[in-house]
Structures are given as structure tokens and as C-alpha cells.
Amino acid sequence: MKYIITIALALAVAASSAYAGCNKKVSSIGKLEKFDAATKTLVIAITNSSNAKEVKNKKAKITMTPDSTIVHDGKVNSVSPGDIVGKNVSIVSEHGKIDYVITLADKA
């Protein structure tokens, strides 16, 4: 009986991990080239990224969600994505969906 309970608990623990998210956040830095309002996607020219594919392709197309946050000049959600086209940005995303867009200061 102990073996059956042990096996059942082991299977339950193994099955529960299948429902967990991978939690892989990607950090990308570059210049925001384009914002498509219809599809809510940003195109960024990558200068540095934690994702090797983005570095190789030199561009990334990432989608805004209702939960996406834009930080510009220390203010949260004070501008629309279209207002920061051409600015240097840092983007934190997961599975191509944006969590944060943070505008960076221009180089002096």
C-alpha cells in the first residue's frame, strides 16, 4: 500500500510541473523603430539582448498586451508607444509579449 501511495504522489508532483510556466524573461536593449497600432507590435533594432536569436537577427518584433507598462521620463504609462518611436528602449518580455518598456537616456 505504501508503494502505491508513493507512486501516486510522485506522479502528482510530476504532473503538476507540466502546468507551470517557464518564467523565461528576455531583456532587450535597442532603438524602437516602429509601432503598429493595429497589431500592437513594436519593432526594435537590437543592440543587446539576453536572447541569442534576437542578437543574431538584429531585430525583434514584440507584442504589447493590456498589462504592458511603459516607463518614460520616470512616469508610468504617461505616453503611448507611438510617442517613443526613435528612442532607445529597454524591453522586458516573455514569449514575445511585453511586460515593460523603459525609455533610456540619450548618450551625451
Protein backbone atom coordinates (compact mmCIF):
# COMPACT_ATOMS: atom_id res chain seq x y z
CA MET A 1 0.00 0.00 0.00
CA LYS A 2 2.89 2.35 0.81
CA TYR A 3 4.32 1.83 -2.69
CA ILE A 4 1.03 2.70 -4.36
CA ILE A 5 0.69 5.92 -2.35
CA THR A 6 4.32 6.83 -3.01
CA ILE A 7 3.93 6.28 -6.75
CA ALA A 8 0.65 8.22 -6.83
CA LEU A 9 2.25 11.18 -5.04
CA ALA A 10 5.29 11.10 -7.34
CA LEU A 11 3.03 11.14 -10.39
CA ALA A 12 1.01 14.02 -8.95
CA VAL A 13 4.16 16.10 -8.38
CA ALA A 14 5.47 15.29 -11.87
CA ALA A 15 2.13 16.18 -13.48
CA SER A 16 1.86 19.49 -11.63
CA SER A 17 5.10 20.76 -13.18
CA ALA A 18 3.53 20.43 -16.63
CA TYR A 19 1.12 23.25 -15.74
CA ALA A 20 3.80 25.65 -14.53
CA GLY A 21 5.04 28.46 -16.77
CA CYS A 22 8.66 28.58 -17.84
CA ASN A 23 9.15 32.12 -16.45
CA LYS A 24 11.83 32.91 -19.03
CA LYS A 25 12.11 36.67 -19.21
CA VAL A 26 14.03 38.24 -22.10
CA SER A 27 15.73 41.59 -21.70
CA SER A 28 16.35 43.52 -24.93
CA ILE A 29 18.00 46.88 -25.50
CA GLY A 30 17.85 48.83 -28.74
CA LYS A 31 16.19 51.55 -30.75
CA LEU A 32 12.42 51.44 -31.22
CA GLU A 33 11.97 51.56 -35.00
CA LYS A 34 8.25 51.08 -35.49
CA PHE A 35 4.92 50.72 -33.70
CA ASP A 36 1.98 49.13 -35.49
CA ALA A 37 -1.19 50.30 -33.74
CA ALA A 38 -3.41 47.75 -35.49
CA THR A 39 -1.49 44.71 -34.25
CA LYS A 40 0.03 46.41 -31.15
CA THR A 41 3.54 45.26 -32.11
CA LEU A 42 6.85 47.03 -31.63
CA VAL A 43 9.86 46.52 -33.88
CA ILE A 44 13.17 47.14 -32.13
CA ALA A 45 16.68 47.24 -33.63
CA ILE A 46 18.62 45.14 -31.13
CA THR A 47 21.94 46.32 -29.72
CA ASN A 48 21.98 43.87 -26.79
CA SER A 49 19.69 41.06 -25.66
CA SER A 50 19.58 38.05 -23.38
CA ASN A 51 18.11 36.10 -26.31
CA ALA A 52 20.77 34.88 -28.76
CA LYS A 53 18.26 34.72 -31.65
CA GLU A 54 17.43 38.41 -31.27
CA VAL A 55 21.13 39.33 -31.27
CA LYS A 56 21.70 37.27 -34.41
CA ASN A 57 18.66 38.71 -36.25
CA LYS A 58 19.43 42.28 -35.05
CA LYS A 59 15.67 42.96 -34.88
CA ALA A 60 12.80 41.83 -32.70
CA LYS A 61 9.05 42.07 -33.15
CA ILE A 62 7.34 42.08 -29.76
CA THR A 63 3.62 42.45 -28.94
CA MET A 64 2.04 44.82 -26.41
CA THR A 65 -0.63 43.45 -24.07
CA PRO A 66 -3.14 45.25 -21.84
CA ASP A 67 -0.78 44.56 -18.91
CA SER A 68 2.28 46.08 -20.65
CA THR A 69 3.82 49.03 -18.83
CA ILE A 70 5.69 51.95 -20.43
CA VAL A 71 8.07 53.98 -18.26
CA HIS A 72 9.12 57.29 -19.87
CA ASP A 73 10.93 60.10 -18.02
CA GLY A 74 10.16 58.44 -14.69
CA LYS A 75 6.41 58.37 -15.33
CA VAL A 76 4.43 55.17 -15.76
CA ASN A 77 2.10 54.88 -18.77
CA SER A 78 2.30 58.62 -19.48
CA VAL A 79 2.88 58.14 -23.24
CA SER A 80 1.69 55.82 -25.97
CA PRO A 81 4.13 53.52 -27.77
CA GLY A 82 3.86 55.65 -30.90
CA ASP A 83 5.30 58.62 -29.00
CA ILE A 84 8.58 56.86 -28.24
CA VAL A 85 9.42 55.65 -31.76
CA GLY A 86 13.06 56.52 -32.44
CA LYS A 87 14.04 56.39 -28.77
CA ASN A 88 16.46 53.94 -27.15
CA VAL A 89 14.50 51.49 -25.04
CA SER A 90 14.93 48.52 -22.76
CA ILE A 91 12.19 45.91 -23.08
CA VAL A 92 11.43 43.03 -20.72
CA SER A 93 9.25 40.37 -22.33
CA GLU A 94 8.17 36.77 -22.05
CA HIS A 95 7.19 34.63 -25.04
CA GLY A 96 7.08 37.70 -27.32
CA LYS A 97 4.68 39.59 -25.02
CA ILE A 98 5.91 42.82 -23.44
CA ASP A 99 5.97 43.27 -19.67
CA TYR A 100 7.87 46.58 -19.53
CA VAL A 101 9.14 49.19 -21.99
CA ILE A 102 11.59 51.60 -20.38
CA THR A 103 12.96 54.56 -22.35
CA LEU A 104 16.67 55.14 -21.89
CA ALA A 105 18.51 58.42 -21.73
CA ASP A 106 20.23 59.52 -24.95
CA LYS A 107 24.00 59.27 -24.98
CA ALA A 108 25.71 62.55 -24.19
